[in-house]
Structures are given as structure tokens and as C-alpha cells.
Amino acid sequence: EAKASLSLAQAQHALQLQQAKAQINNMVPKKQFEQLQNTLREEQC
């Protein structure tokens, strides 16, 4: 169960990372980019 939860969290993290990169590629505004980075750090934590 723990491994499954970890895999799910990693998949979510990877998805969020892809979403963040996609948003950056779509010229996301700096404030939104910082927000995404904060969210990413929180998710990594």
C-alpha cells in the first residue's frame, strides 16, 4: 500500500511538473510561475 501511495504521489508530481513546464512554455506570467514553483516545492516536500 505504501509503495502504491508513493507511486501515485510520484505520478501526480510528474504530472504537475509536466503541467508546470507546459505552462512555462506557454509563457506563463512570472507571478503564476512563482506560484507554481511554490506548489511544486510543497508537493516535493
All heavy atoms as atom14 arrays in JSON, in Angstrom:
{
  "sequence": "EAKASLSLAQAQHALQLQQAKAQINNMVPKKQFEQLQNTLREEQC",
  "atom14_mask": [
    [1, 1, 1, 1, 1, 1, 1, 1, 1, 0, 0, 0, 0, 0],
    [1, 1, 1, 1, 1, 0, 0, 0, 0, 0, 0, 0, 0, 0],
    [1, 1, 1, 1, 1, 1, 1, 1, 1, 0, 0, 0, 0, 0],
    [1, 1, 1, 1, 1, 0, 0, 0, 0, 0, 0, 0, 0, 0],
    [1, 1, 1, 1, 1, 1, 0, 0, 0, 0, 0, 0, 0, 0],
    [1, 1, 1, 1, 1, 1, 1, 1, 0, 0, 0, 0, 0, 0],
    [1, 1, 1, 1, 1, 1, 0, 0, 0, 0, 0, 0, 0, 0],
    [1, 1, 1, 1, 1, 1, 1, 1, 0, 0, 0, 0, 0, 0],
    [1, 1, 1, 1, 1, 0, 0, 0, 0, 0, 0, 0, 0, 0],
    [1, 1, 1, 1, 1, 1, 1, 1, 1, 0, 0, 0, 0, 0],
    [1, 1, 1, 1, 1, 0, 0, 0, 0, 0, 0, 0, 0, 0],
    [1, 1, 1, 1, 1, 1, 1, 1, 1, 0, 0, 0, 0, 0],
    [1, 1, 1, 1, 1, 1, 1, 1, 1, 1, 0, 0, 0, 0],
    [1, 1, 1, 1, 1, 0, 0, 0, 0, 0, 0, 0, 0, 0],
    [1, 1, 1, 1, 1, 1, 1, 1, 0, 0, 0, 0, 0, 0],
    [1, 1, 1, 1, 1, 1, 1, 1, 1, 0, 0, 0, 0, 0],
    [1, 1, 1, 1, 1, 1, 1, 1, 0, 0, 0, 0, 0, 0],
    [1, 1, 1, 1, 1, 1, 1, 1, 1, 0, 0, 0, 0, 0],
    [1, 1, 1, 1, 1, 1, 1, 1, 1, 0, 0, 0, 0, 0],
    [1, 1, 1, 1, 1, 0, 0, 0, 0, 0, 0, 0, 0, 0],
    [1, 1, 1, 1, 1, 1, 1, 1, 1, 0, 0, 0, 0, 0],
    [1, 1, 1, 1, 1, 0, 0, 0, 0, 0, 0, 0, 0, 0],
    [1, 1, 1, 1, 1, 1, 1, 1, 1, 0, 0, 0, 0, 0],
    [1, 1, 1, 1, 1, 1, 1, 1, 0, 0, 0, 0, 0, 0],
    [1, 1, 1, 1, 1, 1, 1, 1, 0, 0, 0, 0, 0, 0],
    [1, 1, 1, 1, 1, 1, 1, 1, 0, 0, 0, 0, 0, 0],
    [1, 1, 1, 1, 1, 1, 1, 1, 0, 0, 0, 0, 0, 0],
    [1, 1, 1, 1, 1, 1, 1, 0, 0, 0, 0, 0, 0, 0],
    [1, 1, 1, 1, 1, 1, 1, 0, 0, 0, 0, 0, 0, 0],
    [1, 1, 1, 1, 1, 1, 1, 1, 1, 0, 0, 0, 0, 0],
    [1, 1, 1, 1, 1, 1, 1, 1, 1, 0, 0, 0, 0, 0],
    [1, 1, 1, 1, 1, 1, 1, 1, 1, 0, 0, 0, 0, 0],
    [1, 1, 1, 1, 1, 1, 1, 1, 1, 1, 1, 0, 0, 0],
    [1, 1, 1, 1, 1, 1, 1, 1, 1, 0, 0, 0, 0, 0],
    [1, 1, 1, 1, 1, 1, 1, 1, 1, 0, 0, 0, 0, 0],
    [1, 1, 1, 1, 1, 1, 1, 1, 0, 0, 0, 0, 0, 0],
    [1, 1, 1, 1, 1, 1, 1, 1, 1, 0, 0, 0, 0, 0],
    [1, 1, 1, 1, 1, 1, 1, 1, 0, 0, 0, 0, 0, 0],
    [1, 1, 1, 1, 1, 1, 1, 0, 0, 0, 0, 0, 0, 0],
    [1, 1, 1, 1, 1, 1, 1, 1, 0, 0, 0, 0, 0, 0],
    [1, 1, 1, 1, 1, 1, 1, 1, 1, 1, 1, 0, 0, 0],
    [1, 1, 1, 1, 1, 1, 1, 1, 1, 0, 0, 0, 0, 0],
    [1, 1, 1, 1, 1, 1, 1, 1, 1, 0, 0, 0, 0, 0],
    [1, 1, 1, 1, 1, 1, 1, 1, 1, 0, 0, 0, 0, 0],
    [1, 1, 1, 1, 1, 1, 0, 0, 0, 0, 0, 0, 0, 0]
  ],
  "atom14_positions": [
    [[0.83, -1.2, 0.0], [0.0, 0.0, 0.0], [0.87, 1.25, 0.0], [0.59, 2.23, -0.7], [-0.91, -0.01, 1.23], [-2.04, -1.01, 1.15], [-2.86, -1.05, 2.45], [-2.66, -0.18, 3.33], [-3.71, -1.95, 2.56], [0.0, 0.0, 0.0], [0.0, 0.0, 0.0], [0.0, 0.0, 0.0], [0.0, 0.0, 0.0], [0.0, 0.0, 0.0]],
    [[1.92, 1.19, 0.8], [2.81, 2.35, 0.89], [3.49, 2.59, -0.45], [3.61, 3.75, -0.92], [3.85, 2.12, 1.97], [0.0, 0.0, 0.0], [0.0, 0.0, 0.0], [0.0, 0.0, 0.0], [0.0, 0.0, 0.0], [0.0, 0.0, 0.0], [0.0, 0.0, 0.0], [0.0, 0.0, 0.0], [0.0, 0.0, 0.0], [0.0, 0.0, 0.0]],
    [[3.94, 1.5, -1.1], [4.58, 1.65, -2.42], [3.6, 2.22, -3.44], [3.95, 3.06, -4.28], [5.13, 0.31, -2.89], [6.39, -0.12, -2.2], [6.91, -1.42, -2.76], [8.22, -1.82, -2.1], [8.75, -3.07, -2.64], [0.0, 0.0, 0.0], [0.0, 0.0, 0.0], [0.0, 0.0, 0.0], [0.0, 0.0, 0.0], [0.0, 0.0, 0.0]],
    [[2.35, 1.76, -3.36], [1.32, 2.24, -4.29], [1.07, 3.72, -4.07], [0.96, 4.51, -5.02], [0.03, 1.43, -4.11], [0.0, 0.0, 0.0], [0.0, 0.0, 0.0], [0.0, 0.0, 0.0], [0.0, 0.0, 0.0], [0.0, 0.0, 0.0], [0.0, 0.0, 0.0], [0.0, 0.0, 0.0], [0.0, 0.0, 0.0], [0.0, 0.0, 0.0]],
    [[1.01, 4.12, -2.79], [0.8, 5.54, -2.47], [1.97, 6.37, -2.98], [1.79, 7.48, -3.53], [0.66, 5.75, -0.97], [-0.47, 5.08, -0.49], [0.0, 0.0, 0.0], [0.0, 0.0, 0.0], [0.0, 0.0, 0.0], [0.0, 0.0, 0.0], [0.0, 0.0, 0.0], [0.0, 0.0, 0.0], [0.0, 0.0, 0.0], [0.0, 0.0, 0.0]],
    [[3.18, 5.84, -2.81], [4.38, 6.55, -3.27], [4.35, 6.7, -4.79], [4.62, 7.77, -5.33], [5.63, 5.8, -2.82], [6.97, 6.42, -3.24], [7.12, 7.81, -2.64], [8.13, 5.53, -2.8], [0.0, 0.0, 0.0], [0.0, 0.0, 0.0], [0.0, 0.0, 0.0], [0.0, 0.0, 0.0], [0.0, 0.0, 0.0], [0.0, 0.0, 0.0]],
    [[4.0, 5.59, -5.47], [3.94, 5.64, -6.94], [2.9, 6.66, -7.41], [3.12, 7.42, -8.35], [3.6, 4.26, -7.5], [4.61, 3.36, -7.2], [0.0, 0.0, 0.0], [0.0, 0.0, 0.0], [0.0, 0.0, 0.0], [0.0, 0.0, 0.0], [0.0, 0.0, 0.0], [0.0, 0.0, 0.0], [0.0, 0.0, 0.0], [0.0, 0.0, 0.0]],
    [[1.75, 6.68, -6.72], [0.7, 7.63, -7.07], [1.18, 9.06, -6.86], [0.98, 9.94, -7.72], [-0.55, 7.34, -6.22], [-1.75, 8.24, -6.48], [-2.27, 8.04, -7.91], [-2.86, 7.96, -5.48], [0.0, 0.0, 0.0], [0.0, 0.0, 0.0], [0.0, 0.0, 0.0], [0.0, 0.0, 0.0], [0.0, 0.0, 0.0], [0.0, 0.0, 0.0]],
    [[1.85, 9.3, -5.71], [2.35, 10.65, -5.43], [3.4, 11.05, -6.46], [3.42, 12.2, -6.93], [2.94, 10.7, -4.02], [0.0, 0.0, 0.0], [0.0, 0.0, 0.0], [0.0, 0.0, 0.0], [0.0, 0.0, 0.0], [0.0, 0.0, 0.0], [0.0, 0.0, 0.0], [0.0, 0.0, 0.0], [0.0, 0.0, 0.0], [0.0, 0.0, 0.0]],
    [[4.27, 10.1, -6.85], [5.3, 10.41, -7.86], [4.64, 10.72, -9.21], [5.07, 11.63, -9.93], [6.29, 9.24, -7.97], [7.23, 9.15, -6.79], [8.12, 7.91, -6.86], [7.8, 6.95, -7.53], [9.24, 7.95, -6.12], [0.0, 0.0, 0.0], [0.0, 0.0, 0.0], [0.0, 0.0, 0.0], [0.0, 0.0, 0.0], [0.0, 0.0, 0.0]],
    [[3.6, 9.95, -9.53], [2.91, 10.19, -10.81], [2.24, 11.57, -10.8], [2.31, 12.32, -11.79], [1.87, 9.09, -11.05], [0.0, 0.0, 0.0], [0.0, 0.0, 0.0], [0.0, 0.0, 0.0], [0.0, 0.0, 0.0], [0.0, 0.0, 0.0], [0.0, 0.0, 0.0], [0.0, 0.0, 0.0], [0.0, 0.0, 0.0], [0.0, 0.0, 0.0]],
    [[1.62, 11.9, -9.67], [0.99, 13.22, -9.55], [2.05, 14.32, -9.66], [1.84, 15.34, -10.32], [0.25, 13.34, -8.22], [-1.03, 12.54, -8.14], [-1.67, 12.59, -6.76], [-1.03, 13.01, -5.79], [-2.93, 12.16, -6.68], [0.0, 0.0, 0.0], [0.0, 0.0, 0.0], [0.0, 0.0, 0.0], [0.0, 0.0, 0.0], [0.0, 0.0, 0.0]],
    [[3.17, 14.06, -9.0], [4.27, 15.03, -9.03], [4.77, 15.22, -10.47], [4.97, 16.35, -10.93], [5.39, 14.54, -8.11], [6.63, 15.37, -8.17], [6.68, 16.66, -7.67], [7.87, 15.12, -8.66], [7.89, 17.15, -7.86], [8.64, 16.22, -8.46], [0.0, 0.0, 0.0], [0.0, 0.0, 0.0], [0.0, 0.0, 0.0], [0.0, 0.0, 0.0]],
    [[4.96, 14.11, -11.17], [5.43, 14.18, -12.56], [4.43, 14.91, -13.44], [4.79, 15.74, -14.3], [5.68, 12.77, -13.1], [0.0, 0.0, 0.0], [0.0, 0.0, 0.0], [0.0, 0.0, 0.0], [0.0, 0.0, 0.0], [0.0, 0.0, 0.0], [0.0, 0.0, 0.0], [0.0, 0.0, 0.0], [0.0, 0.0, 0.0], [0.0, 0.0, 0.0]],
    [[3.15, 14.63, -13.2], [2.1, 15.3, -13.98], [2.1, 16.8, -13.71], [2.03, 17.61, -14.65], [0.74, 14.7, -13.62], [-0.47, 15.23, -14.39], [-0.34, 14.91, -15.89], [-1.75, 14.64, -13.83], [0.0, 0.0, 0.0], [0.0, 0.0, 0.0], [0.0, 0.0, 0.0], [0.0, 0.0, 0.0], [0.0, 0.0, 0.0], [0.0, 0.0, 0.0]],
    [[2.23, 17.15, -12.43], [2.25, 18.57, -12.09], [3.48, 19.25, -12.69], [3.43, 20.39, -13.13], [2.23, 18.75, -10.58], [0.87, 18.42, -9.96], [0.9, 18.46, -8.45], [1.97, 18.59, -7.85], [-0.27, 18.35, -7.83], [0.0, 0.0, 0.0], [0.0, 0.0, 0.0], [0.0, 0.0, 0.0], [0.0, 0.0, 0.0], [0.0, 0.0, 0.0]],
    [[4.6, 18.5, -12.69], [5.82, 19.05, -13.28], [5.63, 19.31, -14.78], [6.01, 20.36, -15.29], [6.98, 18.07, -13.04], [8.38, 18.56, -13.4], [8.75, 19.82, -12.61], [9.41, 17.47, -13.14], [0.0, 0.0, 0.0], [0.0, 0.0, 0.0], [0.0, 0.0, 0.0], [0.0, 0.0, 0.0], [0.0, 0.0, 0.0], [0.0, 0.0, 0.0]],
    [[5.01, 18.32, -15.44], [4.74, 18.5, -16.88], [3.81, 19.68, -17.11], [4.01, 20.48, -18.03], [4.1, 17.23, -17.46], [5.09, 16.13, -17.74], [4.4, 14.9, -18.32], [3.2, 14.71, -18.14], [5.17, 14.07, -19.02], [0.0, 0.0, 0.0], [0.0, 0.0, 0.0], [0.0, 0.0, 0.0], [0.0, 0.0, 0.0], [0.0, 0.0, 0.0]],
    [[2.81, 19.77, -16.23], [1.87, 20.89, -16.38], [2.6, 22.22, -16.18], [2.37, 23.2, -16.9], [0.72, 20.75, -15.38], [-0.26, 19.65, -15.72], [-1.3, 19.45, -14.61], [-1.17, 20.0, -13.51], [-2.32, 18.65, -14.92], [0.0, 0.0, 0.0], [0.0, 0.0, 0.0], [0.0, 0.0, 0.0], [0.0, 0.0, 0.0], [0.0, 0.0, 0.0]],
    [[3.49, 22.24, -15.19], [4.23, 23.47, -14.92], [5.11, 23.84, -16.1], [5.17, 25.01, -16.51], [5.06, 23.31, -13.66], [0.0, 0.0, 0.0], [0.0, 0.0, 0.0], [0.0, 0.0, 0.0], [0.0, 0.0, 0.0], [0.0, 0.0, 0.0], [0.0, 0.0, 0.0], [0.0, 0.0, 0.0], [0.0, 0.0, 0.0], [0.0, 0.0, 0.0]],
    [[5.78, 22.81, -16.67], [6.64, 23.07, -17.83], [5.81, 23.56, -19.01], [6.22, 24.46, -19.75], [7.41, 21.81, -18.21], [8.57, 21.5, -17.28], [9.32, 20.26, -17.73], [10.46, 19.95, -16.79], [11.18, 18.73, -17.16], [0.0, 0.0, 0.0], [0.0, 0.0, 0.0], [0.0, 0.0, 0.0], [0.0, 0.0, 0.0], [0.0, 0.0, 0.0]],
    [[4.66, 22.93, -19.18], [3.79, 23.33, -20.29], [3.33, 24.78, -20.11], [3.28, 25.56, -21.07], [2.58, 22.4, -20.38], [0.0, 0.0, 0.0], [0.0, 0.0, 0.0], [0.0, 0.0, 0.0], [0.0, 0.0, 0.0], [0.0, 0.0, 0.0], [0.0, 0.0, 0.0], [0.0, 0.0, 0.0], [0.0, 0.0, 0.0], [0.0, 0.0, 0.0]],
    [[3.02, 25.12, -18.87], [2.59, 26.49, -18.62], [3.74, 27.46, -18.84], [3.55, 28.57, -19.33], [2.06, 26.61, -17.19], [0.69, 25.96, -17.02], [0.21, 26.02, -15.58], [0.93, 26.45, -14.69], [-1.04, 25.57, -15.37], [0.0, 0.0, 0.0], [0.0, 0.0, 0.0], [0.0, 0.0, 0.0], [0.0, 0.0, 0.0], [0.0, 0.0, 0.0]],
    [[4.97, 27.03, -18.43], [6.13, 27.89, -18.65], [6.33, 28.08, -20.14], [6.62, 29.18, -20.61], [7.39, 27.31, -17.98], [7.25, 27.42, -16.46], [8.65, 27.99, -18.46], [8.34, 26.72, -15.7], [0.0, 0.0, 0.0], [0.0, 0.0, 0.0], [0.0, 0.0, 0.0], [0.0, 0.0, 0.0], [0.0, 0.0, 0.0], [0.0, 0.0, 0.0]],
    [[6.19, 26.95, -20.87], [6.36, 27.02, -22.32], [5.3, 27.91, -22.96], [5.52, 28.51, -24.0], [6.31, 25.62, -22.95], [7.57, 24.83, -22.64], [8.6, 25.42, -22.32], [7.48, 23.51, -22.72], [0.0, 0.0, 0.0], [0.0, 0.0, 0.0], [0.0, 0.0, 0.0], [0.0, 0.0, 0.0], [0.0, 0.0, 0.0], [0.0, 0.0, 0.0]],
    [[4.16, 27.97, -22.34], [3.09, 28.84, -22.88], [3.23, 30.27, -22.36], [2.29, 31.04, -22.38], [1.72, 28.29, -22.49], [1.41, 27.0, -23.22], [1.94, 26.78, -24.3], [0.59, 26.17, -22.63], [0.0, 0.0, 0.0], [0.0, 0.0, 0.0], [0.0, 0.0, 0.0], [0.0, 0.0, 0.0], [0.0, 0.0, 0.0], [0.0, 0.0, 0.0]],
    [[4.38, 30.59, -21.9], [4.69, 31.94, -21.44], [3.79, 32.35, -20.28], [3.01, 33.28, -20.37], [4.56, 32.95, -22.58], [5.49, 32.68, -23.74], [7.21, 32.7, -23.28], [7.52, 34.41, -23.15], [0.0, 0.0, 0.0], [0.0, 0.0, 0.0], [0.0, 0.0, 0.0], [0.0, 0.0, 0.0], [0.0, 0.0, 0.0], [0.0, 0.0, 0.0]],
    [[3.94, 31.56, -19.21], [3.16, 31.84, -18.02], [3.72, 33.09, -17.37], [4.93, 33.3, -17.32], [3.29, 30.65, -17.04], [2.57, 30.91, -15.75], [2.79, 29.38, -17.69], [0.0, 0.0, 0.0], [0.0, 0.0, 0.0], [0.0, 0.0, 0.0], [0.0, 0.0, 0.0], [0.0, 0.0, 0.0], [0.0, 0.0, 0.0], [0.0, 0.0, 0.0]],
    [[2.87, 33.91, -16.82], [3.35, 35.11, -16.16], [4.2, 34.75, -14.93], [4.07, 33.67, -14.36], [2.08, 35.82, -15.72], [0.97, 35.21, -16.48], [1.43, 33.88, -16.92], [0.0, 0.0, 0.0], [0.0, 0.0, 0.0], [0.0, 0.0, 0.0], [0.0, 0.0, 0.0], [0.0, 0.0, 0.0], [0.0, 0.0, 0.0], [0.0, 0.0, 0.0]],
    [[5.1, 35.65, -14.58], [6.07, 35.41, -13.53], [5.4, 35.08, -12.2], [5.82, 34.15, -11.49], [6.98, 36.63, -13.38], [8.11, 36.4, -12.42], [9.04, 37.58, -12.39], [10.19, 37.27, -11.45], [11.14, 38.34, -11.38], [0.0, 0.0, 0.0], [0.0, 0.0, 0.0], [0.0, 0.0, 0.0], [0.0, 0.0, 0.0], [0.0, 0.0, 0.0]],
    [[4.35, 35.77, -11.87], [3.66, 35.55, -10.61], [3.08, 34.13, -10.57], [3.2, 33.41, -9.59], [2.57, 36.6, -10.42], [1.98, 36.61, -9.04], [1.05, 37.8, -8.89], [0.59, 37.89, -7.46], [-0.29, 38.99, -7.21], [0.0, 0.0, 0.0], [0.0, 0.0, 0.0], [0.0, 0.0, 0.0], [0.0, 0.0, 0.0], [0.0, 0.0, 0.0]],
    [[2.49, 33.75, -11.65], [1.91, 32.41, -11.75], [3.01, 31.35, -11.72], [2.87, 30.29, -11.11], [1.11, 32.3, -13.05], [-0.05, 31.35, -12.93], [-0.91, 31.41, -14.19], [-0.6, 32.08, -15.17], [-2.01, 30.7, -14.13], [0.0, 0.0, 0.0], [0.0, 0.0, 0.0], [0.0, 0.0, 0.0], [0.0, 0.0, 0.0], [0.0, 0.0, 0.0]],
    [[4.14, 31.66, -12.36], [5.28, 30.75, -12.39], [5.81, 30.55, -10.98], [6.09, 29.42, -10.56], [6.36, 31.31, -13.32], [7.6, 30.46, -13.34], [7.6, 29.23, -14.01], [8.77, 30.87, -12.69], [8.73, 28.45, -14.02], [9.89, 30.08, -12.7], [9.89, 28.87, -13.38], [0.0, 0.0, 0.0], [0.0, 0.0, 0.0], [0.0, 0.0, 0.0]],
    [[5.92, 31.63, -10.22], [6.39, 31.54, -8.84], [5.41, 30.72, -8.0], [5.8, 29.91, -7.15], [6.57, 32.94, -8.24], [7.77, 33.65, -8.79], [7.85, 35.11, -8.31], [6.93, 35.56, -7.58], [8.83, 35.77, -8.66], [0.0, 0.0, 0.0], [0.0, 0.0, 0.0], [0.0, 0.0, 0.0], [0.0, 0.0, 0.0], [0.0, 0.0, 0.0]],
    [[4.15, 30.93, -8.27], [3.1, 30.19, -7.55], [3.24, 28.68, -7.84], [3.17, 27.83, -6.94], [1.72, 30.68, -8.02], [0.82, 31.04, -6.89], [-0.51, 31.58, -7.43], [-0.75, 31.68, -8.63], [-1.37, 31.95, -6.51], [0.0, 0.0, 0.0], [0.0, 0.0, 0.0], [0.0, 0.0, 0.0], [0.0, 0.0, 0.0], [0.0, 0.0, 0.0]],
    [[3.46, 28.41, -9.1], [3.63, 27.0, -9.5], [4.89, 26.4, -8.86], [4.9, 25.25, -8.45], [3.71, 26.87, -11.03], [2.38, 27.01, -11.76], [2.6, 27.05, -13.26], [1.45, 25.86, -11.39], [0.0, 0.0, 0.0], [0.0, 0.0, 0.0], [0.0, 0.0, 0.0], [0.0, 0.0, 0.0], [0.0, 0.0, 0.0], [0.0, 0.0, 0.0]],
    [[5.96, 27.2, -8.81], [7.19, 26.72, -8.19], [6.95, 26.43, -6.7], [7.42, 25.43, -6.16], [8.31, 27.74, -8.34], [9.02, 27.64, -9.67], [10.22, 28.59, -9.73], [10.18, 29.69, -9.15], [11.26, 28.17, -10.43], [0.0, 0.0, 0.0], [0.0, 0.0, 0.0], [0.0, 0.0, 0.0], [0.0, 0.0, 0.0], [0.0, 0.0, 0.0]],
    [[6.23, 27.32, -6.03], [5.89, 27.11, -4.62], [5.06, 25.83, -4.44], [5.32, 25.02, -3.53], [5.13, 28.31, -4.04], [6.04, 29.52, -3.83], [7.26, 29.35, -3.71], [5.47, 30.7, -3.81], [0.0, 0.0, 0.0], [0.0, 0.0, 0.0], [0.0, 0.0, 0.0], [0.0, 0.0, 0.0], [0.0, 0.0, 0.0], [0.0, 0.0, 0.0]],
    [[4.1, 25.69, -5.31], [3.26, 24.47, -5.26], [4.11, 23.24, -5.49], [3.96, 22.22, -4.81], [2.14, 24.56, -6.33], [1.39, 25.76, -6.15], [1.22, 23.36, -6.25], [0.0, 0.0, 0.0], [0.0, 0.0, 0.0], [0.0, 0.0, 0.0], [0.0, 0.0, 0.0], [0.0, 0.0, 0.0], [0.0, 0.0, 0.0], [0.0, 0.0, 0.0]],
    [[5.05, 23.36, -6.47], [5.94, 22.24, -6.77], [6.8, 21.91, -5.56], [6.96, 20.74, -5.2], [6.83, 22.59, -7.98], [7.83, 21.53, -8.39], [7.13, 20.24, -8.81], [8.71, 22.04, -9.51], [0.0, 0.0, 0.0], [0.0, 0.0, 0.0], [0.0, 0.0, 0.0], [0.0, 0.0, 0.0], [0.0, 0.0, 0.0], [0.0, 0.0, 0.0]],
    [[7.35, 22.94, -4.89], [8.17, 22.71, -3.7], [7.34, 22.05, -2.59], [7.8, 21.12, -1.92], [8.76, 24.03, -3.2], [10.07, 24.37, -3.88], [10.77, 25.55, -3.22], [11.04, 26.52, -4.27], [10.43, 27.69, -4.44], [9.53, 28.12, -3.59], [10.74, 28.47, -5.45], [0.0, 0.0, 0.0], [0.0, 0.0, 0.0], [0.0, 0.0, 0.0]],
    [[6.13, 22.55, -2.43], [5.25, 21.96, -1.4], [4.97, 20.48, -1.71], [5.02, 19.62, -0.82], [3.92, 22.72, -1.33], [4.04, 24.08, -0.68], [2.74, 24.89, -0.77], [1.71, 24.33, -1.22], [2.76, 26.07, -0.4], [0.0, 0.0, 0.0], [0.0, 0.0, 0.0], [0.0, 0.0, 0.0], [0.0, 0.0, 0.0], [0.0, 0.0, 0.0]],
    [[4.71, 20.2, -2.97], [4.43, 18.82, -3.39], [5.68, 17.94, -3.2], [5.58, 16.8, -2.78], [3.95, 18.76, -4.84], [2.55, 19.3, -5.07], [1.49, 18.55, -4.29], [1.57, 17.3, -4.2], [0.58, 19.19, -3.74], [0.0, 0.0, 0.0], [0.0, 0.0, 0.0], [0.0, 0.0, 0.0], [0.0, 0.0, 0.0], [0.0, 0.0, 0.0]],
    [[6.86, 18.52, -3.53], [8.1, 17.77, -3.34], [8.32, 17.48, -1.85], [8.74, 16.39, -1.47], [9.3, 18.53, -3.91], [9.38, 18.49, -5.42], [10.51, 19.38, -5.96], [10.95, 20.32, -5.3], [10.96, 19.07, -7.17], [0.0, 0.0, 0.0], [0.0, 0.0, 0.0], [0.0, 0.0, 0.0], [0.0, 0.0, 0.0], [0.0, 0.0, 0.0]],
    [[8.03, 18.47, -1.03], [8.16, 18.32, 0.43], [7.21, 17.23, 0.92], [7.59, 16.35, 1.7], [7.88, 19.66, 1.11], [8.44, 19.72, 2.81], [0.0, 0.0, 0.0], [0.0, 0.0, 0.0], [0.0, 0.0, 0.0], [0.0, 0.0, 0.0], [0.0, 0.0, 0.0], [0.0, 0.0, 0.0], [0.0, 0.0, 0.0], [0.0, 0.0, 0.0]]
  ]
}
